[in-house]
């Protein structure tokens, strides 16, 4: 599945139910925000510029909350990424609202405030 992002259209936090591979496709680099089930936060830059520590693709573990946003760094005005869905299950997205995420993961308040859906 391909997803196109820009500064006004981010991918809000949702839970990855199965391990998922994510790859940069084209446009601006993408910042991937990940919160593992143990509450550990990390980010990955998807892109092609190794001097900025960007990677072309990586894997996200099941149970991780993830959000994507375009970095608007190459003046393309958008970023396109791709990721896989497992052929099992209904592939529905679990999208907790901001209040639910803040209650479960208060240490990640700054990023949750920006990238979680209102509840």
PDB file of N, CA and C in Angstrom:
ATOM      1  N   UNK A   1       0.838  -1.164   0.000  1.00  0.00           N
ATOM      2  CA  UNK A   1       0.000   0.000   0.000  1.00  0.00           C
ATOM      3  C   UNK A   1       0.888   1.233   0.000  1.00  0.00           C
ATOM      4  N   UNK A   2       0.542   2.210  -0.828  1.00  0.00           N
ATOM      5  CA  UNK A   2       1.258   3.479  -0.860  1.00  0.00           C
ATOM      6  C   UNK A   2       0.483   4.523  -0.066  1.00  0.00           C
ATOM      7  N   UNK A   3       1.212   5.386   0.625  1.00  0.00           N
ATOM      8  CA  UNK A   3       0.615   6.484   1.380  1.00  0.00           C
ATOM      9  C   UNK A   3       1.350   7.761   0.984  1.00  0.00           C
ATOM     10  N   UNK A   4       0.580   8.807   0.712  1.00  0.00           N
ATOM     11  CA  UNK A   4       1.159  10.110   0.388  1.00  0.00           C
ATOM     12  C   UNK A   4       0.877  11.058   1.539  1.00  0.00           C
ATOM     13  N   UNK A   5       1.920  11.764   1.978  1.00  0.00           N
ATOM     14  CA  UNK A   5       1.839  12.676   3.112  1.00  0.00           C
ATOM     15  C   UNK A   5       2.300  14.056   2.678  1.00  0.00           C
ATOM     16  N   UNK A   6       1.841  15.089   3.365  1.00  0.00           N
ATOM     17  CA  UNK A   6       2.425  16.423   3.245  1.00  0.00           C
ATOM     18  C   UNK A   6       2.306  17.090   4.610  1.00  0.00           C
ATOM     19  N   UNK A   7       2.707  18.342   4.718  1.00  0.00           N
ATOM     20  CA  UNK A   7       2.722  19.003   6.023  1.00  0.00           C
ATOM     21  C   UNK A   7       1.330  19.085   6.660  1.00  0.00           C
ATOM     22  N   UNK A   8       0.281  19.160   5.855  1.00  0.00           N
ATOM     23  CA  UNK A   8      -1.077  19.252   6.389  1.00  0.00           C
ATOM     24  C   UNK A   8      -1.724  17.890   6.576  1.00  0.00           C
ATOM     25  N   UNK A   9      -1.154  16.861   5.976  1.00  0.00           N
ATOM     26  CA  UNK A   9      -1.761  15.528   6.010  1.00  0.00           C
ATOM     27  C   UNK A   9      -0.747  14.518   6.528  1.00  0.00           C
ATOM     28  N   UNK A  10      -0.759  14.306   7.825  1.00  0.00           N
ATOM     29  CA  UNK A  10       0.131  13.340   8.472  1.00  0.00           C
ATOM     30  C   UNK A  10      -0.621  12.028   8.650  1.00  0.00           C
ATOM     31  N   UNK A  11       0.089  10.996   8.974  1.00  0.00           N
ATOM     32  CA  UNK A  11      -0.532   9.735   9.356  1.00  0.00           C
ATOM     33  C   UNK A  11      -0.511   9.688  10.877  1.00  0.00           C
ATOM     34  N   UNK A  12      -1.680   9.803  11.497  1.00  0.00           N
ATOM     35  CA  UNK A  12      -1.788   9.857  12.951  1.00  0.00           C
ATOM     36  C   UNK A  12      -1.388   8.524  13.590  1.00  0.00           C
ATOM     37  N   UNK A  13      -1.113   8.575  14.891  1.00  0.00           N
ATOM     38  CA  UNK A  13      -0.710   7.372  15.606  1.00  0.00           C
ATOM     39  C   UNK A  13      -1.747   6.267  15.447  1.00  0.00           C
ATOM     40  N   UNK A  14      -1.260   5.102  15.126  1.00  0.00           N
ATOM     41  CA  UNK A  14      -2.076   3.890  15.070  1.00  0.00           C
ATOM     42  C   UNK A  14      -1.188   2.721  15.464  1.00  0.00           C
ATOM     43  N   UNK A  15      -1.804   1.625  15.883  1.00  0.00           N
ATOM     44  CA  UNK A  15      -1.020   0.467  16.313  1.00  0.00           C
ATOM     45  C   UNK A  15      -0.796  -0.485  15.144  1.00  0.00           C
ATOM     46  N   UNK A  16       0.434  -0.952  15.024  1.00  0.00           N
ATOM     47  CA  UNK A  16       0.778  -1.966  14.035  1.00  0.00           C
ATOM     48  C   UNK A  16       0.453  -3.322  14.660  1.00  0.00           C
ATOM     49  N   UNK A  17      -0.502  -4.035  14.073  1.00  0.00           N
ATOM     50  CA  UNK A  17      -0.945  -5.304  14.650  1.00  0.00           C
ATOM     51  C   UNK A  17      -0.050  -6.477  14.273  1.00  0.00           C
ATOM     52  N   UNK A  18       0.637  -6.376  13.157  1.00  0.00           N
ATOM     53  CA  UNK A  18       1.566  -7.415  12.695  1.00  0.00           C
ATOM     54  C   UNK A  18       2.856  -6.721  12.293  1.00  0.00           C
ATOM     55  N   UNK A  19       3.982  -7.437  12.380  1.00  0.00           N
ATOM     56  CA  UNK A  19       5.233  -6.837  11.919  1.00  0.00           C
ATOM     57  C   UNK A  19       5.013  -6.273  10.520  1.00  0.00           C
ATOM     58  N   UNK A  20       5.582  -5.102  10.261  1.00  0.00           N
ATOM     59  CA  UNK A  20       5.345  -4.418   8.996  1.00  0.00           C
ATOM     60  C   UNK A  20       6.656  -3.846   8.452  1.00  0.00           C
ATOM     61  N   UNK A  21       6.887  -4.022   7.166  1.00  0.00           N
ATOM     62  CA  UNK A  21       8.013  -3.356   6.525  1.00  0.00           C
ATOM     63  C   UNK A  21       7.520  -2.043   5.937  1.00  0.00           C
ATOM     64  N   UNK A  22       8.363  -1.017   6.025  1.00  0.00           N
ATOM     65  CA  UNK A  22       8.042   0.314   5.519  1.00  0.00           C
ATOM     66  C   UNK A  22       9.197   0.747   4.635  1.00  0.00           C
ATOM     67  N   UNK A  23       8.877   1.336   3.472  1.00  0.00           N
ATOM     68  CA  UNK A  23       9.917   1.792   2.550  1.00  0.00           C
ATOM     69  C   UNK A  23       9.609   3.192   2.038  1.00  0.00           C
ATOM     70  N   UNK A  24      10.662   3.970   1.874  1.00  0.00           N
ATOM     71  CA  UNK A  24      10.566   5.272   1.227  1.00  0.00           C
ATOM     72  C   UNK A  24      10.346   5.049  -0.262  1.00  0.00           C
ATOM     73  N   UNK A  25       9.458   5.831  -0.872  1.00  0.00           N
ATOM     74  CA  UNK A  25       9.218   5.716  -2.310  1.00  0.00           C
ATOM     75  C   UNK A  25       9.750   6.930  -3.059  1.00  0.00           C
ATOM     76  N   UNK A  26       9.219   8.122  -2.765  1.00  0.00           N
ATOM     77  CA  UNK A  26       9.696   9.322  -3.460  1.00  0.00           C
ATOM     78  C   UNK A  26       9.237  10.569  -2.744  1.00  0.00           C
ATOM     79  N   UNK A  27       9.741  11.710  -3.200  1.00  0.00           N
ATOM     80  CA  UNK A  27       9.403  12.999  -2.590  1.00  0.00           C
ATOM     81  C   UNK A  27      10.293  13.317  -1.415  1.00  0.00           C
ATOM     82  N   UNK A  28       9.733  14.054  -0.467  1.00  0.00           N
ATOM     83  CA  UNK A  28      10.481  14.453   0.724  1.00  0.00           C
ATOM     84  C   UNK A  28      10.731  13.250   1.634  1.00  0.00           C
ATOM     85  N   UNK A  29      11.718  13.386   2.483  1.00  0.00           N
ATOM     86  CA  UNK A  29      11.968  12.358   3.491  1.00  0.00           C
ATOM     87  C   UNK A  29      10.776  12.326   4.462  1.00  0.00           C
ATOM     88  N   UNK A  30      10.643  11.214   5.153  1.00  0.00           N
ATOM     89  CA  UNK A  30       9.536  11.017   6.094  1.00  0.00           C
ATOM     90  C   UNK A  30      10.100  10.697   7.470  1.00  0.00           C
ATOM     91  N   UNK A  31       9.544  11.327   8.478  1.00  0.00           N
ATOM     92  CA  UNK A  31       9.925  11.026   9.848  1.00  0.00           C
ATOM     93  C   UNK A  31       8.895  10.061  10.412  1.00  0.00           C
ATOM     94  N   UNK A  32       9.374   8.916  10.883  1.00  0.00           N
ATOM     95  CA  UNK A  32       8.505   7.888  11.443  1.00  0.00           C
ATOM     96  C   UNK A  32       8.674   7.905  12.958  1.00  0.00           C
ATOM     97  N   UNK A  33       7.576   8.143  13.672  1.00  0.00           N
ATOM     98  CA  UNK A  33       7.573   8.166  15.128  1.00  0.00           C
ATOM     99  C   UNK A  33       7.051   6.823  15.611  1.00  0.00           C
ATOM    100  N   UNK A  34       7.812   6.148  16.462  1.00  0.00           N
ATOM    101  CA  UNK A  34       7.441   4.806  16.948  1.00  0.00           C
ATOM    102  C   UNK A  34       7.461   4.785  18.465  1.00  0.00           C
ATOM    103  N   UNK A  35       6.415   4.187  19.042  1.00  0.00           N
ATOM    104  CA  UNK A  35       6.365   3.963  20.490  1.00  0.00           C
ATOM    105  C   UNK A  35       6.112   2.479  20.692  1.00  0.00           C
ATOM    106  N   UNK A  36       7.136   1.795  21.198  1.00  0.00           N
ATOM    107  CA  UNK A  36       7.027   0.350  21.419  1.00  0.00           C
ATOM    108  C   UNK A  36       6.083   0.045  22.577  1.00  0.00           C
ATOM    109  N   UNK A  37       5.634  -1.211  22.676  1.00  0.00           N
ATOM    110  CA  UNK A  37       4.723  -1.584  23.767  1.00  0.00           C
ATOM    111  C   UNK A  37       5.261  -1.273  25.170  1.00  0.00           C
ATOM    112  N   UNK A  38       6.596  -1.258  25.335  1.00  0.00           N
ATOM    113  CA  UNK A  38       7.170  -0.954  26.646  1.00  0.00           C
ATOM    114  C   UNK A  38       7.265   0.550  26.903  1.00  0.00           C
ATOM    115  N   UNK A  39       6.769   1.388  25.949  1.00  0.00           N
ATOM    116  CA  UNK A  39       6.775   2.832  26.113  1.00  0.00           C
ATOM    117  C   UNK A  39       7.993   3.525  25.531  1.00  0.00           C
ATOM    118  N   UNK A  40       8.976   2.766  25.053  1.00  0.00           N
ATOM    119  CA  UNK A  40      10.184   3.360  24.472  1.00  0.00           C
ATOM    120  C   UNK A  40       9.847   4.058  23.160  1.00  0.00           C
ATOM    121  N   UNK A  41      10.249   5.331  23.050  1.00  0.00           N
ATOM    122  CA  UNK A  41      10.026   6.117  21.833  1.00  0.00           C
ATOM    123  C   UNK A  41      11.298   6.146  21.003  1.00  0.00           C
ATOM    124  N   UNK A  42      11.151   6.012  19.693  1.00  0.00           N
ATOM    125  CA  UNK A  42      12.270   6.231  18.780  1.00  0.00           C
ATOM    126  C   UNK A  42      11.727   6.749  17.461  1.00  0.00           C
ATOM    127  N   UNK A  43      12.595   7.375  16.677  1.00  0.00           N
ATOM    128  CA  UNK A  43      12.200   7.849  15.362  1.00  0.00           C
ATOM    129  C   UNK A  43      13.179   7.349  14.314  1.00  0.00           C
ATOM    130  N   UNK A  44      12.649   7.214  13.100  1.00  0.00           N
ATOM    131  CA  UNK A  44      13.443   6.769  11.964  1.00  0.00           C
ATOM    132  C   UNK A  44      13.182   7.736  10.821  1.00  0.00           C
ATOM    133  N   UNK A  45      14.252   8.159  10.148  1.00  0.00           N
ATOM    134  CA  UNK A  45      14.116   9.002   8.959  1.00  0.00           C
ATOM    135  C   UNK A  45      14.139   8.110   7.734  1.00  0.00           C
ATOM    136  N   UNK A  46      13.036   8.118   6.975  1.00  0.00           N
ATOM    137  CA  UNK A  46      12.963   7.370   5.723  1.00  0.00           C
ATOM    138  C   UNK A  46      13.330   8.307   4.581  1.00  0.00           C
ATOM    139  N   UNK A  47      14.293   7.896   3.779  1.00  0.00           N
ATOM    140  CA  UNK A  47      14.724   8.703   2.642  1.00  0.00           C
ATOM    141  C   UNK A  47      15.954   8.069   2.026  1.00  0.00           C
ATOM    142  N   UNK A  48      16.635   8.848   1.205  1.00  0.00           N
ATOM    143  CA  UNK A  48      17.810   8.317   0.498  1.00  0.00           C
ATOM    144  C   UNK A  48      19.109   9.007   0.870  1.00  0.00           C
ATOM    145  N   UNK A  49      19.067  10.027   1.732  1.00  0.00           N
ATOM    146  CA  UNK A  49      20.265  10.798   2.070  1.00  0.00           C
ATOM    147  C   UNK A  49      20.957  10.198   3.289  1.00  0.00           C
ATOM    148  N   UNK A  50      21.953   9.385   3.042  1.00  0.00           N
ATOM    149  CA  UNK A  50      22.681   8.716   4.136  1.00  0.00           C
ATOM    150  C   UNK A  50      23.380   9.712   5.054  1.00  0.00           C
ATOM    151  N   UNK A  51      23.750  10.905   4.532  1.00  0.00           N
ATOM    152  CA  UNK A  51      24.419  11.905   5.367  1.00  0.00           C
ATOM    153  C   UNK A  51      23.487  12.453   6.453  1.00  0.00           C
ATOM    154  N   UNK A  52      22.174  12.260   6.284  1.00  0.00           N
ATOM    155  CA  UNK A  52      21.187  12.675   7.283  1.00  0.00           C
ATOM    156  C   UNK A  52      20.668  11.479   8.071  1.00  0.00           C
ATOM    157  N   UNK A  53      21.399  10.368   8.009  1.00  0.00           N
ATOM    158  CA  UNK A  53      21.017   9.123   8.702  1.00  0.00           C
ATOM    159  C   UNK A  53      19.660   8.596   8.251  1.00  0.00           C
ATOM    160  N   UNK A  54      19.332   8.802   6.976  1.00  0.00           N
ATOM    161  CA  UNK A  54      18.092   8.273   6.434  1.00  0.00           C
ATOM    162  C   UNK A  54      18.298   6.839   5.971  1.00  0.00           C
ATOM    163  N   UNK A  55      17.248   6.055   6.090  1.00  0.00           N
ATOM    164  CA  UNK A  55      17.260   4.670   5.618  1.00  0.00           C
ATOM    165  C   UNK A  55      16.181   4.523   4.561  1.00  0.00           C
ATOM    166  N   UNK A  56      16.388   3.585   3.648  1.00  0.00           N
ATOM    167  CA  UNK A  56      15.415   3.367   2.584  1.00  0.00           C
ATOM    168  C   UNK A  56      14.214   2.574   3.094  1.00  0.00           C
ATOM    169  N   UNK A  57      14.423   1.708   4.071  1.00  0.00           N
ATOM    170  CA  UNK A  57      13.332   0.916   4.622  1.00  0.00           C
ATOM    171  C   UNK A  57      13.717   0.322   5.962  1.00  0.00           C
ATOM    172  N   UNK A  58      12.716  -0.122   6.716  1.00  0.00           N
ATOM    173  CA  UNK A  58      12.968  -0.786   7.986  1.00  0.00           C
ATOM    174  C   UNK A  58      11.708  -1.541   8.398  1.00  0.00           C
ATOM    175  N   UNK A  59      11.787  -2.270   9.497  1.00  0.00           N
ATOM    176  CA  UNK A  59      10.672  -3.065  10.006  1.00  0.00           C
ATOM    177  C   UNK A  59      10.149  -2.472  11.306  1.00  0.00           C
ATOM    178  N   UNK A  60       8.824  -2.497  11.452  1.00  0.00           N
ATOM    179  CA  UNK A  60       8.167  -2.058  12.677  1.00  0.00           C
ATOM    180  C   UNK A  60       7.568  -3.298  13.333  1.00  0.00           C
ATOM    181  N   UNK A  61       7.846  -3.475  14.608  1.00  0.00           N
ATOM    182  CA  UNK A  61       7.356  -4.639  15.341  1.00  0.00           C
ATOM    183  C   UNK A  61       5.879  -4.510  15.692  1.00  0.00           C
ATOM    184  N   UNK A  62       5.185  -5.632  15.704  1.00  0.00           N
ATOM    185  CA  UNK A  62       3.775  -5.677  16.112  1.00  0.00           C
ATOM    186  C   UNK A  62       3.633  -5.076  17.506  1.00  0.00           C
ATOM    187  N   UNK A  63       2.527  -4.372  17.726  1.00  0.00           N
ATOM    188  CA  UNK A  63       2.268  -3.750  19.019  1.00  0.00           C
ATOM    189  C   UNK A  63       2.815  -2.348  19.149  1.00  0.00           C
ATOM    190  N   UNK A  64       3.532  -1.875  18.135  1.00  0.00           N
ATOM    191  CA  UNK A  64       4.123  -0.537  18.155  1.00  0.00           C
ATOM    192  C   UNK A  64       3.099   0.487  17.670  1.00  0.00           C
ATOM    193  N   UNK A  65       3.023   1.619  18.360  1.00  0.00           N
ATOM    194  CA  UNK A  65       2.243   2.748  17.866  1.00  0.00           C
ATOM    195  C   UNK A  65       3.142   3.543  16.930  1.00  0.00           C
ATOM    196  N   UNK A  66       2.620   3.926  15.769  1.00  0.00           N
ATOM    197  CA  UNK A  66       3.436   4.578  14.761  1.00  0.00           C
ATOM    198  C   UNK A  66       2.665   5.733  14.123  1.00  0.00           C
ATOM    199  N   UNK A  67       3.384   6.808  13.781  1.00  0.00           N
ATOM    200  CA  UNK A  67       2.830   7.948  13.044  1.00  0.00           C
ATOM    201  C   UNK A  67       3.899   8.408  12.054  1.00  0.00           C
ATOM    202  N   UNK A  68       3.450   8.907  10.914  1.00  0.00           N
ATOM    203  CA  UNK A  68       4.361   9.344   9.848  1.00  0.00           C
ATOM    204  C   UNK A  68       4.095  10.805   9.522  1.00  0.00           C
ATOM    205  N   UNK A  69       5.191  11.561   9.263  1.00  0.00           N
ATOM    206  CA  UNK A  69       5.019  12.933   8.790  1.00  0.00           C
ATOM    207  C   UNK A  69       6.118  13.283   7.796  1.00  0.00           C
ATOM    208  N   UNK A  70       5.737  14.033   6.766  1.00  0.00           N
ATOM    209  CA  UNK A  70       6.687  14.488   5.757  1.00  0.00           C
ATOM    210  C   UNK A  70       7.600  15.534   6.374  1.00  0.00           C
ATOM    211  N   UNK A  71       8.886  15.480   6.016  1.00  0.00           N
ATOM    212  CA  UNK A  71       9.839  16.458   6.534  1.00  0.00           C
ATOM    213  C   UNK A  71       9.921  17.704   5.659  1.00  0.00           C
ATOM    214  N   UNK A  72       9.291  17.689   4.482  1.00  0.00           N
ATOM    215  CA  UNK A  72       9.271  18.853   3.592  1.00  0.00           C
ATOM    216  C   UNK A  72      10.687  19.394   3.379  1.00  0.00           C
ATOM    217  N   UNK A  73      11.643  18.489   3.120  1.00  0.00           N
ATOM    218  CA  UNK A  73      13.052  18.874   3.055  1.00  0.00           C
ATOM    219  C   UNK A  73      13.623  18.984   1.644  1.00  0.00           C
ATOM    220  N   UNK A  74      12.869  18.600   0.635  1.00  0.00           N
ATOM    221  CA  UNK A  74      13.420  18.669  -0.726  1.00  0.00           C
ATOM    222  C   UNK A  74      12.546  19.506  -1.652  1.00  0.00           C
ATOM    223  N   UNK A  75      11.608  20.227  -1.063  1.00  0.00           N
ATOM    224  CA  UNK A  75      10.687  21.083  -1.819  1.00  0.00           C
ATOM    225  C   UNK A  75       9.788  20.318  -2.776  1.00  0.00           C
ATOM    226  N   UNK A  76       9.659  19.015  -2.592  1.00  0.00           N
ATOM    227  CA  UNK A  76       8.735  18.249  -3.412  1.00  0.00           C
ATOM    228  C   UNK A  76       7.300  18.573  -3.006  1.00  0.00           C
ATOM    229  N   UNK A  77       7.096  18.902  -1.732  1.00  0.00           N
ATOM    230  CA  UNK A  77       5.765  19.226  -1.246  1.00  0.00           C
ATOM    231  C   UNK A  77       4.974  18.020  -0.772  1.00  0.00           C
ATOM    232  N   UNK A  78       5.564  16.842  -0.867  1.00  0.00           N
ATOM    233  CA  UNK A  78       4.892  15.626  -0.421  1.00  0.00           C
ATOM    234  C   UNK A  78       5.941  14.548  -0.192  1.00  0.00           C
ATOM    235  N   UNK A  79       5.530  13.507   0.495  1.00  0.00           N
ATOM    236  CA  UNK A  79       6.357  12.313   0.660  1.00  0.00           C
ATOM    237  C   UNK A  79       5.465  11.114   0.355  1.00  0.00           C
ATOM    238  N   UNK A  80       6.036  10.123  -0.275  1.00  0.00           N
ATOM    239  CA  UNK A  80       5.285   8.894  -0.525  1.00  0.00           C
ATOM    240  C   UNK A  80       6.077   7.730   0.047  1.00  0.00           C
ATOM    241  N   UNK A  81       5.378   6.909   0.835  1.00  0.00           N
ATOM    242  CA  UNK A  81       5.990   5.725   1.423  1.00  0.00           C
ATOM    243  C   UNK A  81       5.115   4.524   1.079  1.00  0.00           C
ATOM    244  N   UNK A  82       5.675   3.346   1.255  1.00  0.00           N
ATOM    245  CA  UNK A  82       4.886   2.132   1.047  1.00  0.00           C
ATOM    246  C   UNK A  82       5.095   1.202   2.228  1.00  0.00           C
ATOM    247  N   UNK A  83       4.085   0.413   2.520  1.00  0.00           N
ATOM    248  CA  UNK A  83       4.210  -0.591   3.564  1.00  0.00           C
ATOM    249  C   UNK A  83       3.311  -1.759   3.249  1.00  0.00           C
ATOM    250  N   UNK A  84       3.616  -2.878   3.881  1.00  0.00           N
ATOM    251  CA  UNK A  84       2.867  -4.099   3.607  1.00  0.00           C
ATOM    252  C   UNK A  84       1.781  -4.319   4.642  1.00  0.00           C
ATOM    253  N   UNK A  85       0.764  -5.059   4.241  1.00  0.00           N
ATOM    254  CA  UNK A  85      -0.272  -5.546   5.151  1.00  0.00           C
ATOM    255  C   UNK A  85      -0.233  -7.058   5.107  1.00  0.00           C
ATOM    256  N   UNK A  86      -0.445  -7.677   6.240  1.00  0.00           N
ATOM    257  CA  UNK A  86      -0.512  -9.131   6.290  1.00  0.00           C
ATOM    258  C   UNK A  86      -1.797  -9.594   5.611  1.00  0.00           C
ATOM    259  N   UNK A  87      -1.750 -10.769   5.011  1.00  0.00           N
ATOM    260  CA  UNK A  87      -2.924 -11.317   4.339  1.00  0.00           C
ATOM    261  C   UNK A  87      -3.909 -11.943   5.319  1.00  0.00           C
ATOM    262  N   UNK A  88      -3.578 -11.934   6.607  1.00  0.00           N
ATOM    263  CA  UNK A  88      -4.473 -12.506   7.615  1.00  0.00           C
ATOM    264  C   UNK A  88      -5.211 -11.387   8.341  1.00  0.00           C
ATOM    265  N   UNK A  89      -6.352 -11.690   8.903  1.00  0.00           N
ATOM    266  CA  UNK A  89      -7.106 -10.704   9.669  1.00  0.00           C
ATOM    267  C   UNK A  89      -7.801  -9.704   8.771  1.00  0.00           C
ATOM    268  N   UNK A  90      -8.397  -8.703   9.393  1.00  0.00           N
ATOM    269  CA  UNK A  90      -9.147  -7.713   8.622  1.00  0.00           C
ATOM    270  C   UNK A  90      -8.336  -6.458   8.326  1.00  0.00           C
ATOM    271  N   UNK A  91      -7.109  -6.368   8.837  1.00  0.00           N
ATOM    272  CA  UNK A  91      -6.209  -5.233   8.616  1.00  0.00           C
ATOM    273  C   UNK A  91      -6.812  -3.889   9.040  1.00  0.00           C
ATOM    274  N   UNK A  92      -7.744  -3.915   9.985  1.00  0.00           N
ATOM    275  CA  UNK A  92      -8.287  -2.663  10.488  1.00  0.00           C
ATOM    276  C   UNK A  92      -7.213  -1.955  11.311  1.00  0.00           C
ATOM    277  N   UNK A  93      -7.318  -0.646  11.396  1.00  0.00           N
ATOM    278  CA  UNK A  93      -6.354   0.142  12.142  1.00  0.00           C
ATOM    279  C   UNK A  93      -6.891   0.463  13.527  1.00  0.00           C
ATOM    280  N   UNK A  94      -6.082   0.232  14.538  1.00  0.00           N
ATOM    281  CA  UNK A  94      -6.424   0.632  15.895  1.00  0.00           C
ATOM    282  C   UNK A  94      -5.848   2.026  16.097  1.00  0.00           C
ATOM    283  N   UNK A  95      -6.742   3.026  16.174  1.00  0.00           N
ATOM    284  CA  UNK A  95      -6.312   4.415  16.301  1.00  0.00           C
ATOM    285  C   UNK A  95      -6.830   5.001  17.613  1.00  0.00           C
ATOM    286  N   UNK A  96      -6.078   4.854  18.689  1.00  0.00           N
ATOM    287  CA  UNK A  96      -6.511   5.456  19.955  1.00  0.00           C
ATOM    288  C   UNK A  96      -6.484   6.975  19.835  1.00  0.00           C
ATOM    289  N   UNK A  97      -7.328   7.625  20.593  1.00  0.00           N
ATOM    290  CA  UNK A  97      -7.332   9.087  20.538  1.00  0.00           C
ATOM    291  C   UNK A  97      -6.240   9.650  21.452  1.00  0.00           C
ATOM    292  N   UNK A  98      -6.070  10.947  21.380  1.00  0.00           N
ATOM    293  CA  UNK A  98      -5.004  11.630  22.117  1.00  0.00           C
ATOM    294  C   UNK A  98      -5.083  11.348  23.618  1.00  0.00           C
ATOM    295  N   UNK A  99      -6.287  11.430  24.193  1.00  0.00           N
ATOM    296  CA  UNK A  99      -6.437  11.210  25.637  1.00  0.00           C
ATOM    297  C   UNK A  99      -6.021   9.796  26.037  1.00  0.00           C
ATOM    298  N   UNK A 100      -6.410   8.809  25.248  1.00  0.00           N
ATOM    299  CA  UNK A 100      -6.049   7.418  25.537  1.00  0.00           C
ATOM    300  C   UNK A 100      -4.530   7.222  25.481  1.00  0.00           C
ATOM    301  N   UNK A 101      -3.892   7.787  24.460  1.00  0.00           N
ATOM    302  CA  UNK A 101      -2.438   7.655  24.349  1.00  0.00           C
ATOM    303  C   UNK A 101      -1.717   8.377  25.483  1.00  0.00           C
ATOM    304  N   UNK A 102      -2.181   9.567  25.830  1.00  0.00           N
ATOM    305  CA  UNK A 102      -1.538  10.311  26.921  1.00  0.00           C
ATOM    306  C   UNK A 102      -1.665   9.582  28.247  1.00  0.00           C
ATOM    307  N   UNK A 103      -2.798   8.934  28.468  1.00  0.00           N
ATOM    308  CA  UNK A 103      -2.982   8.176  29.702  1.00  0.00           C
ATOM    309  C   UNK A 103      -2.045   6.972  29.736  1.00  0.00           C
ATOM    310  N   UNK A 104      -1.893   6.285  28.602  1.00  0.00           N
ATOM    311  CA  UNK A 104      -1.063   5.081  28.560  1.00  0.00           C
ATOM    312  C   UNK A 104       0.424   5.401  28.469  1.00  0.00           C
ATOM    313  N   UNK A 105       0.777   6.518  27.811  1.00  0.00           N
ATOM    314  CA  UNK A 105       2.184   6.830  27.525  1.00  0.00           C
ATOM    315  C   UNK A 105       2.492   8.296  27.847  1.00  0.00           C
ATOM    316  N   UNK A 106       2.351   8.712  29.112  1.00  0.00           N
ATOM    317  CA  UNK A 106       2.528  10.129  29.449  1.00  0.00           C
ATOM    318  C   UNK A 106       3.923  10.676  29.155  1.00  0.00           C
ATOM    319  N   UNK A 107       4.928   9.841  29.134  1.00  0.00           N
ATOM    320  CA  UNK A 107       6.288  10.307  28.863  1.00  0.00           C
ATOM    321  C   UNK A 107       6.459  10.794  27.423  1.00  0.00           C
ATOM    322  N   UNK A 108       5.533  10.415  26.549  1.00  0.00           N
ATOM    323  CA  UNK A 108       5.630  10.802  25.130  1.00  0.00           C
ATOM    324  C   UNK A 108       4.669  11.933  24.791  1.00  0.00           C
ATOM    325  N   UNK A 109       4.372  12.782  25.764  1.00  0.00           N
ATOM    326  CA  UNK A 109       3.366  13.837  25.609  1.00  0.00           C
ATOM    327  C   UNK A 109       3.628  14.739  24.404  1.00  0.00           C
ATOM    328  N   UNK A 110       4.851  15.187  24.192  1.00  0.00           N
ATOM    329  CA  UNK A 110       5.136  16.146  23.120  1.00  0.00           C
ATOM    330  C   UNK A 110       4.737  15.623  21.743  1.00  0.00           C
ATOM    331  N   UNK A 111       5.143  14.428  21.421  1.00  0.00           N
ATOM    332  CA  UNK A 111       4.840  13.889  20.091  1.00  0.00           C
ATOM    333  C   UNK A 111       3.377  13.460  19.994  1.00  0.00           C
ATOM    334  N   UNK A 112       2.804  12.977  21.063  1.00  0.00           N
ATOM    335  CA  UNK A 112       1.391  12.582  21.051  1.00  0.00           C
ATOM    336  C   UNK A 112       0.499  13.806  20.843  1.00  0.00           C
ATOM    337  N   UNK A 113       0.821  14.912  21.492  1.00  0.00           N
ATOM    338  CA  UNK A 113       0.037  16.143  21.328  1.00  0.00           C
ATOM    339  C   UNK A 113      -0.023  16.572  19.866  1.00  0.00           C
ATOM    340  N   UNK A 114       1.052  16.377  19.125  1.00  0.00           N
ATOM    341  CA  UNK A 114       1.105  16.799  17.721  1.00  0.00           C
ATOM    342  C   UNK A 114       0.479  15.809  16.756  1.00  0.00           C
ATOM    343  N   UNK A 115       0.599  14.489  17.043  1.00  0.00           N
ATOM    344  CA  UNK A 115       0.294  13.511  16.012  1.00  0.00           C
ATOM    345  C   UNK A 115      -0.814  12.507  16.361  1.00  0.00           C
ATOM    346  N   UNK A 116      -1.518  12.714  17.435  1.00  0.00           N
ATOM    347  CA  UNK A 116      -2.638  11.825  17.764  1.00  0.00           C
ATOM    348  C   UNK A 116      -3.950  12.501  17.369  1.00  0.00           C
ATOM    349  N   UNK A 117      -4.945  11.688  17.081  1.00  0.00           N
ATOM    350  CA  UNK A 117      -6.256  12.244  16.739  1.00  0.00           C
ATOM    351  C   UNK A 117      -6.954  12.730  18.000  1.00  0.00           C
ATOM    352  N   UNK A 118      -7.756  13.750  17.858  1.00  0.00           N
ATOM    353  CA  UNK A 118      -8.523  14.277  18.987  1.00  0.00           C
ATOM    354  C   UNK A 118      -9.578  13.252  19.384  1.00  0.00           C
ATOM    355  N   UNK A 119      -9.929  13.228  20.632  1.00  0.00           N
ATOM    356  CA  UNK A 119     -10.923  12.261  21.100  1.00  0.00           C
ATOM    357  C   UNK A 119     -12.087  12.909  21.601  1.00  0.00           C
TER     358      UNK A 119
END
